[in-house]
Amino acid sequence: MSNGETPAMPVKVVTGAGTKTSKGLTKREMFAMHAMQGILSNSGGVIQANSRSGTSWCNCDASGLAQWSLECADALLAELEK
């Protein structure tokens, strides 16, 4: 299992049958989520408002946003491996 596939915030759950680890999001998924949040928070970024067409994508679409977010996550994971 690579670093990006490991749990971002694993939680040990104790039950009557024993202890198990709840995995949740992977580090890659969490890093991509935060990258996407940052990209979307830029008011002059990929989603903009204008007086003619209202709010819409600007030089991007949802697929492009997802790809950028994953590229950022992968770049961070690569740097952490150094």
PDB file of N, CA and C in Angstrom:
ATOM      1  N   MET A   1       0.849  -1.172   0.000  1.00  0.00           N
ATOM      2  CA  MET A   1       0.000   0.000   0.000  1.00  0.00           C
ATOM      3  C   MET A   1       0.897   1.237   0.000  1.00  0.00           C
ATOM      4  N   SER A   2       0.661   2.136  -0.943  1.00  0.00           N
ATOM      5  CA  SER A   2       1.462   3.353  -1.012  1.00  0.00           C
ATOM      6  C   SER A   2       0.992   4.359   0.033  1.00  0.00           C
ATOM      7  N   ASN A   3       1.807   5.376   0.275  1.00  0.00           N
ATOM      8  CA  ASN A   3       1.481   6.397   1.259  1.00  0.00           C
ATOM      9  C   ASN A   3       0.143   7.061   0.942  1.00  0.00           C
ATOM     10  N   GLY A   4      -0.140   7.316  -0.336  1.00  0.00           N
ATOM     11  CA  GLY A   4      -1.384   7.966  -0.723  1.00  0.00           C
ATOM     12  C   GLY A   4      -2.620   7.116  -0.485  1.00  0.00           C
ATOM     13  N   GLU A   5      -2.428   5.805  -0.362  1.00  0.00           N
ATOM     14  CA  GLU A   5      -3.557   4.904  -0.140  1.00  0.00           C
ATOM     15  C   GLU A   5      -3.796   4.599   1.328  1.00  0.00           C
ATOM     16  N   THR A   6      -2.915   5.084   2.195  1.00  0.00           N
ATOM     17  CA  THR A   6      -3.094   4.849   3.628  1.00  0.00           C
ATOM     18  C   THR A   6      -4.170   5.781   4.174  1.00  0.00           C
ATOM     19  N   PRO A   7      -4.809   5.411   5.261  1.00  0.00           N
ATOM     20  CA  PRO A   7      -5.866   6.254   5.824  1.00  0.00           C
ATOM     21  C   PRO A   7      -5.324   7.603   6.276  1.00  0.00           C
ATOM     22  N   ALA A   8      -6.086   8.660   6.019  1.00  0.00           N
ATOM     23  CA  ALA A   8      -5.674   9.997   6.438  1.00  0.00           C
ATOM     24  C   ALA A   8      -5.802  10.154   7.945  1.00  0.00           C
ATOM     25  N   MET A   9      -6.888   9.673   8.498  1.00  0.00           N
ATOM     26  CA  MET A   9      -7.133   9.781   9.938  1.00  0.00           C
ATOM     27  C   MET A   9      -7.790   8.498  10.436  1.00  0.00           C
ATOM     28  N   PRO A  10      -7.011   7.414  10.541  1.00  0.00           N
ATOM     29  CA  PRO A  10      -7.601   6.142  10.960  1.00  0.00           C
ATOM     30  C   PRO A  10      -8.129   6.224  12.381  1.00  0.00           C
ATOM     31  N   VAL A  11      -9.186   5.480  12.640  1.00  0.00           N
ATOM     32  CA  VAL A  11      -9.808   5.447  13.963  1.00  0.00           C
ATOM     33  C   VAL A  11      -9.948   3.996  14.383  1.00  0.00           C
ATOM     34  N   LYS A  12      -9.485   3.681  15.583  1.00  0.00           N
ATOM     35  CA  LYS A  12      -9.662   2.328  16.107  1.00  0.00           C
ATOM     36  C   LYS A  12     -11.030   2.243  16.758  1.00  0.00           C
ATOM     37  N   VAL A  13     -11.793   1.247  16.363  1.00  0.00           N
ATOM     38  CA  VAL A  13     -13.138   1.049  16.892  1.00  0.00           C
ATOM     39  C   VAL A  13     -13.133  -0.242  17.701  1.00  0.00           C
ATOM     40  N   VAL A  14     -13.507  -0.146  18.963  1.00  0.00           N
ATOM     41  CA  VAL A  14     -13.556  -1.318  19.836  1.00  0.00           C
ATOM     42  C   VAL A  14     -15.005  -1.787  19.909  1.00  0.00           C
ATOM     43  N   THR A  15     -15.217  -3.046  19.547  1.00  0.00           N
ATOM     44  CA  THR A  15     -16.549  -3.643  19.597  1.00  0.00           C
ATOM     45  C   THR A  15     -16.481  -4.903  20.447  1.00  0.00           C
ATOM     46  N   GLY A  16     -17.609  -5.527  20.636  1.00  0.00           N
ATOM     47  CA  GLY A  16     -17.630  -6.780  21.379  1.00  0.00           C
ATOM     48  C   GLY A  16     -16.823  -7.867  20.694  1.00  0.00           C
ATOM     49  N   ALA A  17     -16.676  -7.763  19.372  1.00  0.00           N
ATOM     50  CA  ALA A  17     -15.939  -8.772  18.607  1.00  0.00           C
ATOM     51  C   ALA A  17     -14.450  -8.467  18.547  1.00  0.00           C
ATOM     52  N   GLY A  18     -14.026  -7.336  19.101  1.00  0.00           N
ATOM     53  CA  GLY A  18     -12.608  -6.979  19.074  1.00  0.00           C
ATOM     54  C   GLY A  18     -12.391  -5.571  18.553  1.00  0.00           C
ATOM     55  N   THR A  19     -11.136  -5.286  18.203  1.00  0.00           N
ATOM     56  CA  THR A  19     -10.771  -3.954  17.719  1.00  0.00           C
ATOM     57  C   THR A  19     -10.552  -4.005  16.220  1.00  0.00           C
ATOM     58  N   LYS A  20     -11.093  -3.024  15.534  1.00  0.00           N
ATOM     59  CA  LYS A  20     -10.840  -2.930  14.103  1.00  0.00           C
ATOM     60  C   LYS A  20     -10.546  -1.471  13.773  1.00  0.00           C
ATOM     61  N   THR A  21      -9.911  -1.229  12.651  1.00  0.00           N
ATOM     62  CA  THR A  21      -9.568   0.114  12.230  1.00  0.00           C
ATOM     63  C   THR A  21     -10.532   0.563  11.145  1.00  0.00           C
ATOM     64  N   SER A  22     -11.130   1.708  11.364  1.00  0.00           N
ATOM     65  CA  SER A  22     -11.989   2.312  10.355  1.00  0.00           C
ATOM     66  C   SER A  22     -11.100   3.198   9.495  1.00  0.00           C
ATOM     67  N   LYS A  23     -11.068   2.955   8.198  1.00  0.00           N
ATOM     68  CA  LYS A  23     -10.109   3.634   7.338  1.00  0.00           C
ATOM     69  C   LYS A  23     -10.548   5.026   6.908  1.00  0.00           C
ATOM     70  N   GLY A  24     -11.751   5.216   6.465  1.00  0.00           N
ATOM     71  CA  GLY A  24     -12.186   6.538   6.006  1.00  0.00           C
ATOM     72  C   GLY A  24     -11.462   6.959   4.733  1.00  0.00           C
ATOM     73  N   LEU A  25     -11.263   8.267   4.576  1.00  0.00           N
ATOM     74  CA  LEU A  25     -10.598   8.801   3.397  1.00  0.00           C
ATOM     75  C   LEU A  25      -9.124   8.430   3.375  1.00  0.00           C
ATOM     76  N   THR A  26      -8.595   8.226   2.176  1.00  0.00           N
ATOM     77  CA  THR A  26      -7.153   8.039   2.038  1.00  0.00           C
ATOM     78  C   THR A  26      -6.487   9.401   2.083  1.00  0.00           C
ATOM     79  N   LYS A  27      -5.169   9.405   2.270  1.00  0.00           N
ATOM     80  CA  LYS A  27      -4.433  10.672   2.260  1.00  0.00           C
ATOM     81  C   LYS A  27      -4.604  11.372   0.911  1.00  0.00           C
ATOM     82  N   ARG A  28      -4.552  10.613  -0.176  1.00  0.00           N
ATOM     83  CA  ARG A  28      -4.703  11.206  -1.505  1.00  0.00           C
ATOM     84  C   ARG A  28      -6.067  11.868  -1.656  1.00  0.00           C
ATOM     85  N   GLU A  29      -7.112  11.197  -1.193  1.00  0.00           N
ATOM     86  CA  GLU A  29      -8.461  11.765  -1.277  1.00  0.00           C
ATOM     87  C   GLU A  29      -8.580  13.030  -0.429  1.00  0.00           C
ATOM     88  N   MET A  30      -7.988  13.006   0.760  1.00  0.00           N
ATOM     89  CA  MET A  30      -8.072  14.171   1.632  1.00  0.00           C
ATOM     90  C   MET A  30      -7.294  15.348   1.051  1.00  0.00           C
ATOM     91  N   PHE A  31      -6.088  15.098   0.532  1.00  0.00           N
ATOM     92  CA  PHE A  31      -5.300  16.175  -0.063  1.00  0.00           C
ATOM     93  C   PHE A  31      -6.018  16.754  -1.278  1.00  0.00           C
ATOM     94  N   ALA A  32      -6.617  15.886  -2.104  1.00  0.00           N
ATOM     95  CA  ALA A  32      -7.353  16.363  -3.283  1.00  0.00           C
ATOM     96  C   ALA A  32      -8.567  17.185  -2.865  1.00  0.00           C
ATOM     97  N   MET A  33      -9.247  16.769  -1.807  1.00  0.00           N
ATOM     98  CA  MET A  33     -10.409  17.493  -1.312  1.00  0.00           C
ATOM     99  C   MET A  33     -10.015  18.910  -0.895  1.00  0.00           C
ATOM    100  N   HIS A  34      -8.912  19.029  -0.176  1.00  0.00           N
ATOM    101  CA  HIS A  34      -8.481  20.347   0.280  1.00  0.00           C
ATOM    102  C   HIS A  34      -7.954  21.199  -0.870  1.00  0.00           C
ATOM    103  N   ALA A  35      -7.304  20.577  -1.839  1.00  0.00           N
ATOM    104  CA  ALA A  35      -6.861  21.329  -3.020  1.00  0.00           C
ATOM    105  C   ALA A  35      -8.071  21.867  -3.767  1.00  0.00           C
ATOM    106  N   MET A  36      -9.093  21.034  -3.950  1.00  0.00           N
ATOM    107  CA  MET A  36     -10.309  21.466  -4.642  1.00  0.00           C
ATOM    108  C   MET A  36     -10.972  22.610  -3.886  1.00  0.00           C
ATOM    109  N   GLN A  37     -11.033  22.496  -2.581  1.00  0.00           N
ATOM    110  CA  GLN A  37     -11.636  23.548  -1.765  1.00  0.00           C
ATOM    111  C   GLN A  37     -10.888  24.866  -1.957  1.00  0.00           C
ATOM    112  N   GLY A  38      -9.561  24.806  -1.980  1.00  0.00           N
ATOM    113  CA  GLY A  38      -8.764  26.009  -2.176  1.00  0.00           C
ATOM    114  C   GLY A  38      -8.966  26.614  -3.550  1.00  0.00           C
ATOM    115  N   ILE A  39      -8.995  25.775  -4.574  1.00  0.00           N
ATOM    116  CA  ILE A  39      -9.196  26.268  -5.950  1.00  0.00           C
ATOM    117  C   ILE A  39     -10.558  26.932  -6.063  1.00  0.00           C
ATOM    118  N   LEU A  40     -11.586  26.323  -5.507  1.00  0.00           N
ATOM    119  CA  LEU A  40     -12.942  26.870  -5.594  1.00  0.00           C
ATOM    120  C   LEU A  40     -13.127  28.132  -4.758  1.00  0.00           C
ATOM    121  N   SER A  41     -12.307  28.330  -3.733  1.00  0.00           N
ATOM    122  CA  SER A  41     -12.476  29.498  -2.875  1.00  0.00           C
ATOM    123  C   SER A  41     -11.939  30.780  -3.506  1.00  0.00           C
ATOM    124  N   ASN A  42     -11.207  30.666  -4.607  1.00  0.00           N
ATOM    125  CA  ASN A  42     -10.665  31.832  -5.301  1.00  0.00           C
ATOM    126  C   ASN A  42     -11.768  32.487  -6.124  1.00  0.00           C
ATOM    127  N   SER A  43     -12.182  33.692  -5.739  1.00  0.00           N
ATOM    128  CA  SER A  43     -13.297  34.355  -6.427  1.00  0.00           C
ATOM    129  C   SER A  43     -12.978  34.685  -7.885  1.00  0.00           C
ATOM    130  N   GLY A  44     -11.727  34.753  -8.258  1.00  0.00           N
ATOM    131  CA  GLY A  44     -11.353  34.990  -9.648  1.00  0.00           C
ATOM    132  C   GLY A  44     -10.908  33.714 -10.335  1.00  0.00           C
ATOM    133  N   GLY A  45     -11.290  32.578  -9.788  1.00  0.00           N
ATOM    134  CA  GLY A  45     -10.818  31.288 -10.274  1.00  0.00           C
ATOM    135  C   GLY A  45     -11.737  30.624 -11.274  1.00  0.00           C
ATOM    136  N   VAL A  46     -11.943  29.327 -11.099  1.00  0.00           N
ATOM    137  CA  VAL A  46     -12.627  28.508 -12.098  1.00  0.00           C
ATOM    138  C   VAL A  46     -14.128  28.754 -12.185  1.00  0.00           C
ATOM    139  N   ILE A  47     -14.723  29.297 -11.137  1.00  0.00           N
ATOM    140  CA  ILE A  47     -16.141  29.649 -11.178  1.00  0.00           C
ATOM    141  C   ILE A  47     -16.242  31.145 -10.911  1.00  0.00           C
ATOM    142  N   GLN A  48     -16.837  31.851 -11.873  1.00  0.00           N
ATOM    143  CA  GLN A  48     -16.937  33.302 -11.751  1.00  0.00           C
ATOM    144  C   GLN A  48     -18.343  33.767 -12.088  1.00  0.00           C
ATOM    145  N   ALA A  49     -18.691  34.922 -11.578  1.00  0.00           N
ATOM    146  CA  ALA A  49     -19.984  35.540 -11.887  1.00  0.00           C
ATOM    147  C   ALA A  49     -19.759  36.700 -12.837  1.00  0.00           C
ATOM    148  N   ASN A  50     -20.696  36.878 -13.772  1.00  0.00           N
ATOM    149  CA  ASN A  50     -20.665  38.072 -14.608  1.00  0.00           C
ATOM    150  C   ASN A  50     -22.092  38.505 -14.911  1.00  0.00           C
ATOM    151  N   SER A  51     -22.242  39.719 -15.342  1.00  0.00           N
ATOM    152  CA  SER A  51     -23.581  40.299 -15.506  1.00  0.00           C
ATOM    153  C   SER A  51     -24.363  39.693 -16.666  1.00  0.00           C
ATOM    154  N   ARG A  52     -23.686  39.085 -17.631  1.00  0.00           N
ATOM    155  CA  ARG A  52     -24.399  38.542 -18.798  1.00  0.00           C
ATOM    156  C   ARG A  52     -24.871  37.118 -18.615  1.00  0.00           C
ATOM    157  N   SER A  53     -24.016  36.265 -18.083  1.00  0.00           N
ATOM    158  CA  SER A  53     -24.400  34.848 -18.006  1.00  0.00           C
ATOM    159  C   SER A  53     -24.566  34.331 -16.583  1.00  0.00           C
ATOM    160  N   GLY A  54     -24.392  35.181 -15.598  1.00  0.00           N
ATOM    161  CA  GLY A  54     -24.505  34.720 -14.218  1.00  0.00           C
ATOM    162  C   GLY A  54     -23.248  33.994 -13.778  1.00  0.00           C
ATOM    163  N   THR A  55     -23.385  33.067 -12.881  1.00  0.00           N
ATOM    164  CA  THR A  55     -22.242  32.320 -12.364  1.00  0.00           C
ATOM    165  C   THR A  55     -22.052  31.052 -13.179  1.00  0.00           C
ATOM    166  N   SER A  56     -20.808  30.817 -13.618  1.00  0.00           N
ATOM    167  CA  SER A  56     -20.523  29.611 -14.392  1.00  0.00           C
ATOM    168  C   SER A  56     -19.025  29.352 -14.404  1.00  0.00           C
ATOM    169  N   TRP A  57     -18.648  28.265 -15.045  1.00  0.00           N
ATOM    170  CA  TRP A  57     -17.252  27.870 -15.178  1.00  0.00           C
ATOM    171  C   TRP A  57     -16.505  28.880 -16.045  1.00  0.00           C
ATOM    172  N   CYS A  58     -15.262  29.122 -15.712  1.00  0.00           N
ATOM    173  CA  CYS A  58     -14.418  30.042 -16.476  1.00  0.00           C
ATOM    174  C   CYS A  58     -13.146  29.294 -16.867  1.00  0.00           C
ATOM    175  N   ASN A  59     -12.996  29.006 -18.147  1.00  0.00           N
ATOM    176  CA  ASN A  59     -11.815  28.309 -18.664  1.00  0.00           C
ATOM    177  C   ASN A  59     -11.579  26.953 -17.999  1.00  0.00           C
ATOM    178  N   CYS A  60     -12.639  26.298 -17.576  1.00  0.00           N
ATOM    179  CA  CYS A  60     -12.515  25.019 -16.871  1.00  0.00           C
ATOM    180  C   CYS A  60     -13.876  24.345 -16.826  1.00  0.00           C
ATOM    181  N   ASP A  61     -13.897  23.101 -16.386  1.00  0.00           N
ATOM    182  CA  ASP A  61     -15.141  22.395 -16.100  1.00  0.00           C
ATOM    183  C   ASP A  61     -14.888  21.494 -14.884  1.00  0.00           C
ATOM    184  N   ALA A  62     -15.891  20.787 -14.458  1.00  0.00           N
ATOM    185  CA  ALA A  62     -15.770  19.968 -13.247  1.00  0.00           C
ATOM    186  C   ALA A  62     -14.696  18.891 -13.398  1.00  0.00           C
ATOM    187  N   SER A  63     -14.588  18.321 -14.582  1.00  0.00           N
ATOM    188  CA  SER A  63     -13.583  17.293 -14.810  1.00  0.00           C
ATOM    189  C   SER A  63     -12.174  17.877 -14.693  1.00  0.00           C
ATOM    190  N   GLY A  64     -11.973  19.052 -15.252  1.00  0.00           N
ATOM    191  CA  GLY A  64     -10.672  19.714 -15.154  1.00  0.00           C
ATOM    192  C   GLY A  64     -10.326  20.047 -13.711  1.00  0.00           C
ATOM    193  N   LEU A  65     -11.317  20.524 -12.964  1.00  0.00           N
ATOM    194  CA  LEU A  65     -11.113  20.833 -11.549  1.00  0.00           C
ATOM    195  C   LEU A  65     -10.692  19.580 -10.786  1.00  0.00           C
ATOM    196  N   ALA A  66     -11.357  18.465 -11.040  1.00  0.00           N
ATOM    197  CA  ALA A  66     -11.009  17.208 -10.369  1.00  0.00           C
ATOM    198  C   ALA A  66      -9.588  16.777 -10.727  1.00  0.00           C
ATOM    199  N   GLN A  67      -9.224  16.917 -11.998  1.00  0.00           N
ATOM    200  CA  GLN A  67      -7.871  16.540 -12.428  1.00  0.00           C
ATOM    201  C   GLN A  67      -6.819  17.411 -11.751  1.00  0.00           C
ATOM    202  N   TRP A  68      -7.048  18.715 -11.685  1.00  0.00           N
ATOM    203  CA  TRP A  68      -6.095  19.614 -11.014  1.00  0.00           C
ATOM    204  C   TRP A  68      -5.957  19.253  -9.548  1.00  0.00           C
ATOM    205  N   SER A  69      -7.071  18.954  -8.905  1.00  0.00           N
ATOM    206  CA  SER A  69      -7.052  18.614  -7.488  1.00  0.00           C
ATOM    207  C   SER A  69      -6.232  17.352  -7.239  1.00  0.00           C
ATOM    208  N   LEU A  70      -6.413  16.348  -8.099  1.00  0.00           N
ATOM    209  CA  LEU A  70      -5.637  15.111  -7.955  1.00  0.00           C
ATOM    210  C   LEU A  70      -4.162  15.339  -8.271  1.00  0.00           C
ATOM    211  N   GLU A  71      -3.869  16.201  -9.253  1.00  0.00           N
ATOM    212  CA  GLU A  71      -2.469  16.513  -9.560  1.00  0.00           C
ATOM    213  C   GLU A  71      -1.797  17.174  -8.358  1.00  0.00           C
ATOM    214  N   CYS A  72      -2.504  18.083  -7.701  1.00  0.00           N
ATOM    215  CA  CYS A  72      -1.959  18.724  -6.498  1.00  0.00           C
ATOM    216  C   CYS A  72      -1.713  17.698  -5.401  1.00  0.00           C
ATOM    217  N   ALA A  73      -2.670  16.806  -5.192  1.00  0.00           N
ATOM    218  CA  ALA A  73      -2.520  15.772  -4.170  1.00  0.00           C
ATOM    219  C   ALA A  73      -1.329  14.868  -4.479  1.00  0.00           C
ATOM    220  N   ASP A  74      -1.201  14.461  -5.730  1.00  0.00           N
ATOM    221  CA  ASP A  74      -0.096  13.584  -6.115  1.00  0.00           C
ATOM    222  C   ASP A  74       1.243  14.282  -5.970  1.00  0.00           C
ATOM    223  N   ALA A  75       1.300  15.579  -6.288  1.00  0.00           N
ATOM    224  CA  ALA A  75       2.538  16.333  -6.152  1.00  0.00           C
ATOM    225  C   ALA A  75       2.946  16.433  -4.680  1.00  0.00           C
ATOM    226  N   LEU A  76       1.978  16.669  -3.810  1.00  0.00           N
ATOM    227  CA  LEU A  76       2.266  16.747  -2.375  1.00  0.00           C
ATOM    228  C   LEU A  76       2.759  15.408  -1.855  1.00  0.00           C
ATOM    229  N   LEU A  77       2.111  14.321  -2.243  1.00  0.00           N
ATOM    230  CA  LEU A  77       2.548  12.999  -1.814  1.00  0.00           C
ATOM    231  C   LEU A  77       3.958  12.689  -2.308  1.00  0.00           C
ATOM    232  N   ALA A  78       4.275  13.091  -3.538  1.00  0.00           N
ATOM    233  CA  ALA A  78       5.620  12.861  -4.084  1.00  0.00           C
ATOM    234  C   ALA A  78       6.668  13.639  -3.277  1.00  0.00           C
ATOM    235  N   GLU A  79       6.357  14.873  -2.911  1.00  0.00           N
ATOM    236  CA  GLU A  79       7.277  15.663  -2.108  1.00  0.00           C
ATOM    237  C   GLU A  79       7.475  15.059  -0.716  1.00  0.00           C
ATOM    238  N   LEU A  80       6.401  14.541  -0.149  1.00  0.00           N
ATOM    239  CA  LEU A  80       6.503  13.931   1.178  1.00  0.00           C
ATOM    240  C   LEU A  80       7.354  12.660   1.167  1.00  0.00           C
ATOM    241  N   GLU A  81       7.439  12.005   0.018  1.00  0.00           N
ATOM    242  CA  GLU A  81       8.241  10.778  -0.101  1.00  0.00           C
ATOM    243  C   GLU A  81       9.724  11.075  -0.146  1.00  0.00           C
ATOM    244  N   LYS A  82      10.111  12.321  -0.453  1.00  0.00           N
ATOM    245  CA  LYS A  82      11.546  12.659  -0.581  1.00  0.00           C
ATOM    246  C   LYS A  82      12.239  12.684   0.768  1.00  0.00           C
TER     247      LYS A  82
END
